[in-house]
Amino acid sequence: YTDTGFVGRQDLIRDVLEELDLNTPIITIFGEGGLGKTALVRKIVEKIEEKNDDLENLYEVIWWHSSKQEELTYDGLKSIDSDKLEELPKEIQAESGYSLEVLKEDITKNNAKILFILDNLETDLAKDRNKTIDFVTKLRKFGQIIITSRTRLGKLEQCFRIEPFSLGDTKTFLRNIAKKTNNSQLLKAGDDLLEKWGKEL
């Protein structure tokens, strides 16, 4: 996303923003690894920030938590330290100086809201599904939640499945990579070759 810019998924962005405007408490974006769930939510947060001035109910706090334990780099998989999901309330209190209860009360007085992003939640679901679902159920009392995961919670949520890129979006993505990496073979490739590579991808 940082290297190539955001590609496609405009209908999905619109649908998620509509659910947020309807005050849907939990939204899960699920699908296979590597399809761009995290990038999609980053783009949604950008859109929220762009239109925050026009919303009747502003998001005073957007809190991003990632349970990701590995990231793919040009050199291969790299382990990363991930925060523990159950520590999230303590992190918020340490950062803001308020407990979640007090923070919500204060924000609600200003006609504002809290949005939690729980990214890569499949990590926590695989460790202890019931404990994770219980935590999410308790957290939703304090604000809306967007989850990215390879699997659904199975209840409580409005779900959106993220699908692989269309052939057109794949070609755009490949061209963006070519520009970023100055890959002359990709830059010179015609639509037929990009379509062939897109189908193989």
N, C-alpha and C. Protein backbone atom coordinates (compact mmCIF):
# COMPACT_ATOMS: atom_id res chain seq x y z
N TYR A 1 0.84 -1.20 0.00
CA TYR A 1 0.00 0.00 0.00
C TYR A 1 0.87 1.25 0.00
N THR A 2 1.88 1.30 0.86
CA THR A 2 2.77 2.44 0.92
C THR A 2 3.53 2.58 -0.39
N ASP A 3 3.96 1.45 -0.95
CA ASP A 3 4.76 1.48 -2.18
C ASP A 3 3.93 1.68 -3.44
N THR A 4 2.73 1.12 -3.48
CA THR A 4 1.99 1.08 -4.74
C THR A 4 0.77 1.99 -4.77
N GLY A 5 0.41 2.59 -3.64
CA GLY A 5 -0.85 3.31 -3.60
C GLY A 5 -2.00 2.33 -3.45
N PHE A 6 -3.17 2.83 -3.11
CA PHE A 6 -4.31 1.95 -2.91
C PHE A 6 -4.97 1.68 -4.25
N VAL A 7 -5.33 0.41 -4.47
CA VAL A 7 -5.92 0.01 -5.76
C VAL A 7 -7.29 -0.62 -5.52
N GLY A 8 -8.30 -0.14 -6.26
CA GLY A 8 -9.62 -0.78 -6.28
C GLY A 8 -10.40 -0.73 -4.98
N ARG A 9 -11.35 -1.68 -4.84
CA ARG A 9 -12.14 -1.90 -3.62
C ARG A 9 -13.04 -0.71 -3.22
N GLN A 10 -13.38 0.15 -4.16
CA GLN A 10 -14.16 1.34 -3.82
C GLN A 10 -15.56 0.99 -3.30
N ASP A 11 -16.19 -0.05 -3.86
CA ASP A 11 -17.52 -0.45 -3.38
C ASP A 11 -17.44 -0.94 -1.94
N LEU A 12 -16.40 -1.68 -1.63
CA LEU A 12 -16.22 -2.21 -0.27
C LEU A 12 -15.99 -1.07 0.73
N ILE A 13 -15.18 -0.10 0.34
CA ILE A 13 -14.95 1.08 1.20
C ILE A 13 -16.27 1.78 1.47
N ARG A 14 -17.06 2.00 0.41
CA ARG A 14 -18.36 2.67 0.57
C ARG A 14 -19.27 1.89 1.51
N ASP A 15 -19.32 0.55 1.34
CA ASP A 15 -20.21 -0.28 2.17
C ASP A 15 -19.81 -0.23 3.64
N VAL A 16 -18.51 -0.27 3.93
CA VAL A 16 -18.05 -0.23 5.32
C VAL A 16 -18.36 1.13 5.93
N LEU A 17 -18.10 2.21 5.18
CA LEU A 17 -18.40 3.56 5.69
C LEU A 17 -19.89 3.73 5.98
N GLU A 18 -20.73 3.14 5.13
CA GLU A 18 -22.18 3.21 5.37
C GLU A 18 -22.54 2.49 6.66
N GLU A 19 -21.94 1.32 6.90
CA GLU A 19 -22.22 0.60 8.15
C GLU A 19 -21.76 1.40 9.37
N LEU A 20 -20.62 2.07 9.25
CA LEU A 20 -20.16 2.91 10.36
C LEU A 20 -21.15 4.04 10.61
N ASP A 21 -21.64 4.65 9.55
CA ASP A 21 -22.62 5.74 9.70
C ASP A 21 -23.92 5.24 10.34
N LEU A 22 -24.22 3.96 10.13
CA LEU A 22 -25.42 3.36 10.74
C LEU A 22 -25.17 2.91 12.19
N ASN A 23 -23.96 3.18 12.67
CA ASN A 23 -23.55 2.79 14.04
C ASN A 23 -23.51 1.29 14.25
N THR A 24 -23.23 0.53 13.20
CA THR A 24 -23.04 -0.91 13.34
C THR A 24 -21.89 -1.14 14.32
N PRO A 25 -22.12 -1.94 15.39
CA PRO A 25 -21.10 -2.04 16.43
C PRO A 25 -19.83 -2.78 16.01
N ILE A 26 -19.97 -3.89 15.26
CA ILE A 26 -18.79 -4.68 14.89
C ILE A 26 -18.84 -4.99 13.39
N ILE A 27 -17.77 -4.65 12.70
CA ILE A 27 -17.66 -4.93 11.27
C ILE A 27 -16.40 -5.78 11.09
N THR A 28 -16.57 -6.93 10.44
CA THR A 28 -15.42 -7.79 10.18
C THR A 28 -15.15 -7.85 8.69
N ILE A 29 -13.90 -7.57 8.32
CA ILE A 29 -13.44 -7.75 6.94
C ILE A 29 -12.57 -9.00 6.96
N PHE A 30 -13.03 -10.03 6.27
CA PHE A 30 -12.32 -11.31 6.36
C PHE A 30 -11.98 -11.84 4.97
N GLY A 31 -10.97 -12.70 4.94
CA GLY A 31 -10.53 -13.30 3.69
C GLY A 31 -9.12 -13.83 3.85
N GLU A 32 -8.63 -14.44 2.80
CA GLU A 32 -7.30 -15.06 2.83
C GLU A 32 -6.22 -14.03 3.15
N GLY A 33 -5.08 -14.53 3.63
CA GLY A 33 -3.95 -13.66 3.90
C GLY A 33 -3.40 -13.04 2.63
N GLY A 34 -2.96 -11.79 2.72
CA GLY A 34 -2.31 -11.13 1.60
C GLY A 34 -3.23 -10.46 0.60
N LEU A 35 -4.55 -10.46 0.88
CA LEU A 35 -5.49 -9.85 -0.07
C LEU A 35 -5.65 -8.35 0.13
N GLY A 36 -5.10 -7.82 1.22
CA GLY A 36 -5.17 -6.37 1.41
C GLY A 36 -6.17 -5.90 2.44
N LYS A 37 -6.47 -6.76 3.44
CA LYS A 37 -7.44 -6.36 4.48
C LYS A 37 -6.93 -5.16 5.28
N THR A 38 -5.68 -5.21 5.68
CA THR A 38 -5.10 -4.11 6.46
C THR A 38 -5.04 -2.83 5.63
N ALA A 39 -4.61 -2.95 4.38
CA ALA A 39 -4.55 -1.78 3.49
C ALA A 39 -5.94 -1.18 3.32
N LEU A 40 -6.95 -2.03 3.18
CA LEU A 40 -8.33 -1.56 3.02
C LEU A 40 -8.75 -0.73 4.23
N VAL A 41 -8.46 -1.24 5.42
CA VAL A 41 -8.88 -0.51 6.63
C VAL A 41 -8.08 0.79 6.78
N ARG A 42 -6.81 0.76 6.40
CA ARG A 42 -6.03 2.00 6.41
C ARG A 42 -6.69 3.04 5.51
N LYS A 43 -7.16 2.61 4.35
CA LYS A 43 -7.82 3.53 3.43
C LYS A 43 -9.14 4.02 4.02
N ILE A 44 -9.88 3.15 4.69
CA ILE A 44 -11.14 3.54 5.34
C ILE A 44 -10.88 4.60 6.41
N VAL A 45 -9.82 4.40 7.21
CA VAL A 45 -9.47 5.39 8.24
C VAL A 45 -9.12 6.72 7.59
N GLU A 46 -8.39 6.69 6.47
CA GLU A 46 -8.08 7.93 5.75
C GLU A 46 -9.37 8.63 5.31
N LYS A 47 -10.32 7.85 4.80
CA LYS A 47 -11.60 8.42 4.36
C LYS A 47 -12.36 9.03 5.54
N ILE A 48 -12.32 8.35 6.69
CA ILE A 48 -12.98 8.88 7.90
C ILE A 48 -12.35 10.22 8.27
N GLU A 49 -11.02 10.28 8.24
CA GLU A 49 -10.33 11.52 8.59
C GLU A 49 -10.67 12.64 7.61
N GLU A 50 -10.82 12.28 6.33
CA GLU A 50 -11.17 13.27 5.31
C GLU A 50 -12.57 13.84 5.54
N LYS A 51 -13.50 12.97 5.92
CA LYS A 51 -14.89 13.42 6.04
C LYS A 51 -15.32 13.68 7.48
N ASN A 52 -14.38 13.59 8.41
CA ASN A 52 -14.73 13.77 9.82
C ASN A 52 -15.41 15.12 10.06
N ASP A 53 -15.03 16.15 9.32
CA ASP A 53 -15.63 17.47 9.50
C ASP A 53 -17.10 17.47 9.09
N ASP A 54 -17.49 16.57 8.19
CA ASP A 54 -18.87 16.55 7.69
C ASP A 54 -19.77 15.60 8.47
N LEU A 55 -19.19 14.74 9.33
CA LEU A 55 -19.99 13.77 10.05
C LEU A 55 -20.72 14.43 11.20
N GLU A 56 -21.93 13.97 11.44
CA GLU A 56 -22.68 14.47 12.59
C GLU A 56 -22.00 14.02 13.88
N ASN A 57 -21.58 12.75 13.91
CA ASN A 57 -20.88 12.23 15.08
C ASN A 57 -19.43 11.98 14.71
N LEU A 58 -18.54 12.78 15.24
CA LEU A 58 -17.13 12.65 14.93
C LEU A 58 -16.51 11.48 15.68
N TYR A 59 -15.45 10.91 15.11
CA TYR A 59 -14.65 9.95 15.86
C TYR A 59 -13.55 10.73 16.57
N GLU A 60 -13.68 10.84 17.86
CA GLU A 60 -12.67 11.54 18.66
C GLU A 60 -11.41 10.70 18.79
N VAL A 61 -11.61 9.37 18.88
CA VAL A 61 -10.49 8.44 19.05
C VAL A 61 -10.60 7.32 18.03
N ILE A 62 -9.52 7.06 17.31
CA ILE A 62 -9.41 5.86 16.48
C ILE A 62 -8.18 5.12 17.00
N TRP A 63 -8.41 3.96 17.57
CA TRP A 63 -7.33 3.20 18.20
C TRP A 63 -7.03 1.95 17.40
N TRP A 64 -5.81 1.82 16.91
CA TRP A 64 -5.41 0.71 16.06
C TRP A 64 -4.62 -0.30 16.89
N HIS A 65 -5.09 -1.54 16.90
CA HIS A 65 -4.36 -2.63 17.56
C HIS A 65 -4.06 -3.70 16.52
N SER A 66 -2.81 -4.13 16.45
CA SER A 66 -2.45 -5.20 15.53
C SER A 66 -1.96 -6.42 16.30
N SER A 67 -2.52 -7.58 15.96
CA SER A 67 -2.07 -8.84 16.56
C SER A 67 -1.10 -9.57 15.63
N LYS A 68 -0.67 -8.90 14.58
CA LYS A 68 0.21 -9.52 13.59
C LYS A 68 1.54 -9.91 14.25
N GLN A 69 2.02 -11.11 13.94
CA GLN A 69 3.26 -11.59 14.53
C GLN A 69 4.40 -11.70 13.52
N GLU A 70 4.05 -11.65 12.23
CA GLU A 70 5.07 -11.71 11.18
C GLU A 70 4.68 -10.74 10.07
N GLU A 71 5.70 -10.18 9.42
CA GLU A 71 5.40 -9.36 8.25
C GLU A 71 6.27 -9.81 7.09
N LEU A 72 5.72 -9.66 5.90
CA LEU A 72 6.44 -10.06 4.69
C LEU A 72 7.27 -8.87 4.22
N THR A 73 8.56 -9.05 4.12
CA THR A 73 9.44 -8.00 3.61
C THR A 73 10.08 -8.51 2.32
N TYR A 74 10.85 -7.64 1.65
CA TYR A 74 11.55 -8.07 0.43
C TYR A 74 12.54 -9.19 0.73
N ASP A 75 12.97 -9.28 2.00
CA ASP A 75 13.93 -10.32 2.40
C ASP A 75 13.25 -11.57 2.95
N GLY A 76 11.93 -11.62 2.91
CA GLY A 76 11.19 -12.78 3.44
C GLY A 76 10.43 -12.44 4.71
N LEU A 77 9.94 -13.46 5.40
CA LEU A 77 9.14 -13.25 6.61
C LEU A 77 10.02 -12.75 7.75
N LYS A 78 9.49 -11.77 8.48
CA LYS A 78 10.21 -11.21 9.61
C LYS A 78 9.29 -11.22 10.82
N SER A 79 9.76 -11.73 11.97
CA SER A 79 8.96 -11.72 13.19
C SER A 79 8.87 -10.30 13.74
N ILE A 80 7.70 -9.96 14.27
CA ILE A 80 7.53 -8.66 14.90
C ILE A 80 6.88 -8.85 16.26
N ASP A 81 7.17 -7.95 17.17
CA ASP A 81 6.54 -8.00 18.48
C ASP A 81 5.13 -7.46 18.35
N SER A 82 4.15 -8.25 18.78
CA SER A 82 2.77 -7.77 18.70
C SER A 82 2.24 -7.56 20.11
N ASP A 83 1.40 -6.54 20.25
CA ASP A 83 0.79 -6.27 21.54
C ASP A 83 -0.27 -7.30 21.84
N LYS A 84 -0.48 -7.58 23.12
CA LYS A 84 -1.51 -8.53 23.52
C LYS A 84 -2.86 -7.83 23.53
N LEU A 85 -3.84 -8.46 22.93
CA LEU A 85 -5.17 -7.87 22.81
C LEU A 85 -5.74 -7.48 24.16
N GLU A 86 -5.58 -8.35 25.15
CA GLU A 86 -6.19 -8.07 26.47
C GLU A 86 -5.55 -6.88 27.18
N GLU A 87 -4.38 -6.44 26.69
CA GLU A 87 -3.70 -5.28 27.29
C GLU A 87 -4.21 -3.95 26.71
N LEU A 88 -5.09 -4.03 25.72
CA LEU A 88 -5.54 -2.82 25.04
C LEU A 88 -6.13 -1.77 25.99
N PRO A 89 -7.02 -2.13 26.93
CA PRO A 89 -7.54 -1.10 27.85
C PRO A 89 -6.44 -0.41 28.66
N LYS A 90 -5.44 -1.18 29.10
CA LYS A 90 -4.33 -0.58 29.86
C LYS A 90 -3.51 0.36 28.98
N GLU A 91 -3.30 -0.03 27.71
CA GLU A 91 -2.55 0.82 26.78
C GLU A 91 -3.28 2.14 26.57
N ILE A 92 -4.59 2.06 26.39
CA ILE A 92 -5.39 3.27 26.17
C ILE A 92 -5.31 4.18 27.40
N GLN A 93 -5.42 3.57 28.59
CA GLN A 93 -5.34 4.38 29.81
C GLN A 93 -3.96 5.01 29.97
N ALA A 94 -2.92 4.25 29.67
CA ALA A 94 -1.56 4.79 29.78
C ALA A 94 -1.35 5.94 28.79
N GLU A 95 -1.91 5.80 27.60
CA GLU A 95 -1.72 6.81 26.56
C GLU A 95 -2.58 8.05 26.80
N SER A 96 -3.84 7.84 27.21
CA SER A 96 -4.78 8.97 27.31
C SER A 96 -4.91 9.51 28.73
N GLY A 97 -4.58 8.66 29.71
CA GLY A 97 -4.79 9.08 31.11
C GLY A 97 -6.19 8.79 31.60
N TYR A 98 -7.02 8.18 30.75
CA TYR A 98 -8.40 7.86 31.13
C TYR A 98 -8.65 6.36 31.01
N SER A 99 -9.49 5.84 31.88
CA SER A 99 -9.98 4.48 31.68
C SER A 99 -10.93 4.51 30.49
N LEU A 100 -11.22 3.34 29.93
CA LEU A 100 -12.16 3.29 28.81
C LEU A 100 -13.52 3.85 29.20
N GLU A 101 -13.96 3.54 30.43
CA GLU A 101 -15.28 4.01 30.89
C GLU A 101 -15.32 5.54 30.90
N VAL A 102 -14.28 6.16 31.49
CA VAL A 102 -14.25 7.63 31.59
C VAL A 102 -14.06 8.26 30.22
N LEU A 103 -13.22 7.65 29.39
CA LEU A 103 -12.98 8.16 28.04
C LEU A 103 -14.28 8.17 27.24
N LYS A 104 -15.02 7.07 27.30
CA LYS A 104 -16.29 7.00 26.55
C LYS A 104 -17.27 8.05 27.05
N GLU A 105 -17.37 8.19 28.36
CA GLU A 105 -18.30 9.17 28.93
C GLU A 105 -17.93 10.58 28.49
N ASP A 106 -16.65 10.89 28.53
CA ASP A 106 -16.17 12.22 28.14
C ASP A 106 -16.43 12.48 26.66
N ILE A 107 -16.14 11.49 25.82
CA ILE A 107 -16.31 11.65 24.38
C ILE A 107 -17.79 11.76 24.01
N THR A 108 -18.64 10.98 24.67
CA THR A 108 -20.08 11.00 24.38
C THR A 108 -20.68 12.37 24.68
N LYS A 109 -20.18 13.04 25.71
CA LYS A 109 -20.67 14.39 26.05
C LYS A 109 -20.44 15.34 24.88
N ASN A 110 -19.39 15.11 24.12
CA ASN A 110 -19.06 15.97 22.98
C ASN A 110 -19.69 15.46 21.68
N ASN A 111 -20.64 14.53 21.81
CA ASN A 111 -21.32 13.97 20.63
C ASN A 111 -20.33 13.31 19.67
N ALA A 112 -19.31 12.66 20.26
CA ALA A 112 -18.28 12.01 19.46
C ALA A 112 -18.25 10.51 19.77
N LYS A 113 -17.41 9.78 19.02
CA LYS A 113 -17.39 8.33 19.16
C LYS A 113 -15.95 7.82 19.16
N ILE A 114 -15.83 6.55 19.54
CA ILE A 114 -14.54 5.84 19.51
C ILE A 114 -14.63 4.74 18.46
N LEU A 115 -13.56 4.56 17.70
CA LEU A 115 -13.47 3.47 16.74
C LEU A 115 -12.23 2.65 17.06
N PHE A 116 -12.42 1.36 17.27
CA PHE A 116 -11.31 0.44 17.50
C PHE A 116 -11.05 -0.34 16.23
N ILE A 117 -9.79 -0.44 15.81
CA ILE A 117 -9.40 -1.31 14.71
C ILE A 117 -8.65 -2.49 15.34
N LEU A 118 -9.15 -3.69 15.15
CA LEU A 118 -8.49 -4.91 15.64
C LEU A 118 -7.99 -5.66 14.42
N ASP A 119 -6.73 -5.44 14.10
CA ASP A 119 -6.15 -5.95 12.86
C ASP A 119 -5.51 -7.32 13.10
N ASN A 120 -5.68 -8.22 12.14
CA ASN A 120 -5.10 -9.58 12.21
C ASN A 120 -5.61 -10.35 13.43
N LEU A 121 -6.91 -10.28 13.66
CA LEU A 121 -7.48 -10.90 14.86
C LEU A 121 -7.43 -12.43 14.81
N GLU A 122 -7.17 -12.99 13.62
CA GLU A 122 -7.09 -14.46 13.54
C GLU A 122 -6.02 -15.02 14.48
N THR A 123 -4.99 -14.23 14.76
CA THR A 123 -3.94 -14.67 15.69
C THR A 123 -4.53 -14.96 17.06
N ASP A 124 -5.36 -14.03 17.57
CA ASP A 124 -5.98 -14.21 18.88
C ASP A 124 -7.07 -15.28 18.85
N LEU A 125 -7.82 -15.33 17.74
CA LEU A 125 -8.88 -16.34 17.62
C LEU A 125 -8.29 -17.75 17.62
N ALA A 126 -7.12 -17.91 17.01
CA ALA A 126 -6.47 -19.23 16.97
C ALA A 126 -5.97 -19.63 18.36
N LYS A 127 -5.50 -18.67 19.15
CA LYS A 127 -5.00 -18.97 20.50
C LYS A 127 -6.13 -19.36 21.44
N ASP A 128 -7.18 -18.54 21.47
CA ASP A 128 -8.31 -18.79 22.38
C ASP A 128 -9.53 -18.07 21.83
N ARG A 129 -10.29 -18.79 21.03
CA ARG A 129 -11.45 -18.21 20.33
C ARG A 129 -12.47 -17.62 21.30
N ASN A 130 -12.84 -18.40 22.33
CA ASN A 130 -13.87 -17.94 23.26
C ASN A 130 -13.43 -16.70 24.03
N LYS A 131 -12.19 -16.69 24.48
CA LYS A 131 -11.66 -15.53 25.22
C LYS A 131 -11.63 -14.29 24.32
N THR A 132 -11.25 -14.46 23.07
CA THR A 132 -11.18 -13.34 22.13
C THR A 132 -12.57 -12.78 21.85
N ILE A 133 -13.54 -13.67 21.61
CA ILE A 133 -14.91 -13.23 21.36
C ILE A 133 -15.48 -12.52 22.58
N ASP A 134 -15.17 -13.04 23.77
CA ASP A 134 -15.63 -12.41 25.00
C ASP A 134 -15.04 -10.99 25.13
N PHE A 135 -13.76 -10.85 24.80
CA PHE A 135 -13.12 -9.53 24.88
C PHE A 135 -13.77 -8.56 23.90
N VAL A 136 -14.00 -9.00 22.67
CA VAL A 136 -14.61 -8.14 21.65
C VAL A 136 -16.01 -7.74 22.08
N THR A 137 -16.76 -8.68 22.66
CA THR A 137 -18.12 -8.39 23.14
C THR A 137 -18.09 -7.29 24.20
N LYS A 138 -17.13 -7.35 25.11
CA LYS A 138 -17.02 -6.32 26.15
C LYS A 138 -16.56 -4.99 25.57
N LEU A 139 -15.64 -5.04 24.62
CA LEU A 139 -15.09 -3.82 24.04
C LEU A 139 -16.14 -3.03 23.26
N ARG A 140 -17.10 -3.71 22.66
CA ARG A 140 -18.08 -3.01 21.82
C ARG A 140 -18.96 -2.06 22.60
N LYS A 141 -18.98 -2.17 23.93
CA LYS A 141 -19.74 -1.23 24.76
C LYS A 141 -19.13 0.17 24.70
N PHE A 142 -17.86 0.24 24.32
CA PHE A 142 -17.15 1.51 24.37
C PHE A 142 -17.03 2.20 23.02
N GLY A 143 -17.31 1.50 21.95
CA GLY A 143 -17.23 2.11 20.64
C GLY A 143 -17.44 1.09 19.54
N GLN A 144 -17.37 1.57 18.31
CA GLN A 144 -17.50 0.67 17.17
C GLN A 144 -16.16 -0.03 16.92
N ILE A 145 -16.24 -1.21 16.28
CA ILE A 145 -15.04 -2.02 16.06
C ILE A 145 -15.00 -2.45 14.60
N ILE A 146 -13.83 -2.28 13.99
CA ILE A 146 -13.56 -2.90 12.68
C ILE A 146 -12.49 -3.96 12.92
N ILE A 147 -12.80 -5.17 12.48
CA ILE A 147 -11.88 -6.31 12.64
C ILE A 147 -11.38 -6.73 11.26
N THR A 148 -10.08 -7.02 11.16
CA THR A 148 -9.60 -7.75 9.99
C THR A 148 -9.15 -9.12 10.47
N SER A 149 -9.51 -10.14 9.71
CA SER A 149 -9.19 -11.50 10.14
C SER A 149 -9.31 -12.44 8.94
N ARG A 150 -8.61 -13.54 9.04
CA ARG A 150 -8.76 -14.57 8.00
C ARG A 150 -10.05 -15.36 8.22
N THR A 151 -10.59 -15.29 9.44
CA THR A 151 -11.84 -15.99 9.75
C THR A 151 -12.81 -15.02 10.41
N ARG A 152 -14.08 -15.35 10.33
CA ARG A 152 -15.11 -14.55 10.99
C ARG A 152 -15.18 -14.90 12.47
N LEU A 153 -15.76 -14.00 13.24
CA LEU A 153 -16.06 -14.34 14.63
C LEU A 153 -17.13 -15.41 14.67
N GLY A 154 -18.07 -15.32 13.76
CA GLY A 154 -19.15 -16.30 13.71
C GLY A 154 -20.45 -15.77 14.27
N LYS A 155 -20.38 -14.63 14.94
CA LYS A 155 -21.59 -13.99 15.46
C LYS A 155 -21.27 -12.53 15.75
N LEU A 156 -22.28 -11.79 16.10
CA LEU A 156 -22.13 -10.40 16.57
C LEU A 156 -21.85 -9.37 15.50
N GLU A 157 -21.46 -9.76 14.30
CA GLU A 157 -20.82 -8.82 13.39
C GLU A 157 -21.54 -8.66 12.06
N GLN A 158 -21.25 -7.56 11.39
CA GLN A 158 -21.58 -7.38 9.98
C GLN A 158 -20.31 -7.73 9.21
N CYS A 159 -20.41 -8.71 8.31
CA CYS A 159 -19.20 -9.22 7.64
C CYS A 159 -19.10 -8.77 6.20
N PHE A 160 -17.86 -8.55 5.78
CA PHE A 160 -17.54 -8.28 4.39
C PHE A 160 -16.36 -9.16 4.00
N ARG A 161 -16.56 -9.99 2.98
CA ARG A 161 -15.46 -10.84 2.49
C ARG A 161 -14.66 -10.05 1.46
N ILE A 162 -13.35 -10.05 1.63
CA ILE A 162 -12.49 -9.40 0.65
C ILE A 162 -12.05 -10.45 -0.36
N GLU A 163 -12.24 -10.14 -1.62
CA GLU A 163 -11.93 -11.07 -2.70
C GLU A 163 -10.60 -10.68 -3.35
N PRO A 164 -9.99 -11.61 -4.09
CA PRO A 164 -8.78 -11.24 -4.84
C PRO A 164 -9.09 -10.12 -5.82
N PHE A 165 -8.06 -9.40 -6.23
CA PHE A 165 -8.22 -8.33 -7.22
C PHE A 165 -8.88 -8.85 -8.48
N SER A 166 -9.64 -7.99 -9.12
CA SER A 166 -10.11 -8.26 -10.48
C SER A 166 -8.87 -8.21 -11.39
N LEU A 167 -9.02 -8.68 -12.62
CA LEU A 167 -7.90 -8.66 -13.57
C LEU A 167 -7.44 -7.23 -13.84
N GLY A 168 -8.41 -6.31 -13.95
CA GLY A 168 -8.07 -4.91 -14.18
C GLY A 168 -7.28 -4.31 -13.02
N ASP A 169 -7.72 -4.59 -11.79
CA ASP A 169 -7.01 -4.08 -10.62
C ASP A 169 -5.62 -4.71 -10.49
N THR A 170 -5.51 -5.99 -10.87
CA THR A 170 -4.21 -6.67 -10.83
C THR A 170 -3.24 -5.99 -11.78
N LYS A 171 -3.70 -5.64 -12.98
CA LYS A 171 -2.83 -4.97 -13.95
C LYS A 171 -2.40 -3.60 -13.42
N THR A 172 -3.33 -2.87 -12.81
CA THR A 172 -2.98 -1.56 -12.22
C THR A 172 -1.95 -1.73 -11.12
N PHE A 173 -2.16 -2.75 -10.27
CA PHE A 173 -1.23 -3.02 -9.17
C PHE A 173 0.17 -3.35 -9.70
N LEU A 174 0.23 -4.22 -10.74
CA LEU A 174 1.52 -4.59 -11.32
C LEU A 174 2.22 -3.37 -11.93
N ARG A 175 1.47 -2.51 -12.58
CA ARG A 175 2.07 -1.30 -13.17
C ARG A 175 2.60 -0.38 -12.06
N ASN A 176 1.86 -0.27 -10.95
CA ASN A 176 2.31 0.56 -9.83
C ASN A 176 3.59 0.01 -9.21
N ILE A 177 3.67 -1.33 -9.10
CA ILE A 177 4.90 -1.96 -8.59
C ILE A 177 6.07 -1.67 -9.55
N ALA A 178 5.79 -1.78 -10.85
CA ALA A 178 6.83 -1.53 -11.85
C ALA A 178 7.39 -0.12 -11.73
N LYS A 179 6.50 0.87 -11.53
CA LYS A 179 6.94 2.26 -11.38
C LYS A 179 7.78 2.43 -10.12
N LYS A 180 7.32 1.83 -9.02
CA LYS A 180 8.01 1.98 -7.74
C LYS A 180 9.41 1.34 -7.78
N THR A 181 9.49 0.17 -8.42
CA THR A 181 10.76 -0.58 -8.42
C THR A 181 11.59 -0.31 -9.68
N ASN A 182 11.03 0.54 -10.56
CA ASN A 182 11.70 0.84 -11.84
C ASN A 182 12.02 -0.44 -12.61
N ASN A 183 11.06 -1.36 -12.65
CA ASN A 183 11.22 -2.63 -13.33
C ASN A 183 10.90 -2.44 -14.81
N SER A 184 11.95 -2.38 -15.63
CA SER A 184 11.76 -2.06 -17.05
C SER A 184 10.95 -3.13 -17.78
N GLN A 185 11.12 -4.41 -17.39
CA GLN A 185 10.36 -5.47 -18.05
C GLN A 185 8.86 -5.29 -17.80
N LEU A 186 8.52 -4.98 -16.57
CA LEU A 186 7.10 -4.75 -16.24
C LEU A 186 6.59 -3.47 -16.87
N LEU A 187 7.41 -2.43 -16.87
CA LEU A 187 7.00 -1.15 -17.45
C LEU A 187 6.70 -1.26 -18.94
N LYS A 188 7.47 -2.12 -19.64
CA LYS A 188 7.28 -2.29 -21.08
C LYS A 188 6.22 -3.32 -21.43
N ALA A 189 5.80 -4.10 -20.43
CA ALA A 189 4.85 -5.19 -20.70
C ALA A 189 3.52 -4.64 -21.21
N GLY A 190 3.00 -5.29 -22.22
CA GLY A 190 1.70 -4.91 -22.75
C GLY A 190 0.58 -5.53 -21.93
N ASP A 191 -0.64 -5.14 -22.25
CA ASP A 191 -1.80 -5.64 -21.51
C ASP A 191 -1.92 -7.16 -21.56
N ASP A 192 -1.58 -7.75 -22.71
CA ASP A 192 -1.69 -9.22 -22.85
C ASP A 192 -0.79 -9.94 -21.85
N LEU A 193 0.46 -9.46 -21.73
CA LEU A 193 1.40 -10.09 -20.81
C LEU A 193 0.99 -9.85 -19.36
N LEU A 194 0.56 -8.62 -19.05
CA LEU A 194 0.10 -8.32 -17.68
C LEU A 194 -1.12 -9.16 -17.33
N GLU A 195 -2.00 -9.35 -18.31
CA GLU A 195 -3.19 -10.19 -18.07
C GLU A 195 -2.78 -11.63 -17.79
N LYS A 196 -1.80 -12.12 -18.54
CA LYS A 196 -1.30 -13.49 -18.32
C LYS A 196 -0.72 -13.63 -16.91
N TRP A 197 0.13 -12.66 -16.51
CA TRP A 197 0.71 -12.70 -15.17
C TRP A 197 -0.37 -12.56 -14.10
N GLY A 198 -1.35 -11.68 -14.39
CA GLY A 198 -2.46 -11.49 -13.45
C GLY A 198 -3.23 -12.76 -13.21
N LYS A 199 -3.47 -13.52 -14.27
CA LYS A 199 -4.19 -14.81 -14.12
C LYS A 199 -3.37 -15.80 -13.32
N GLU A 200 -2.05 -15.78 -13.53
CA GLU A 200 -1.18 -16.69 -12.77
C GLU A 200 -1.12 -16.31 -11.30
N LEU A 201 -1.17 -15.01 -11.01
CA LEU A 201 -1.19 -14.53 -9.62
C LEU A 201 -2.49 -14.91 -8.96
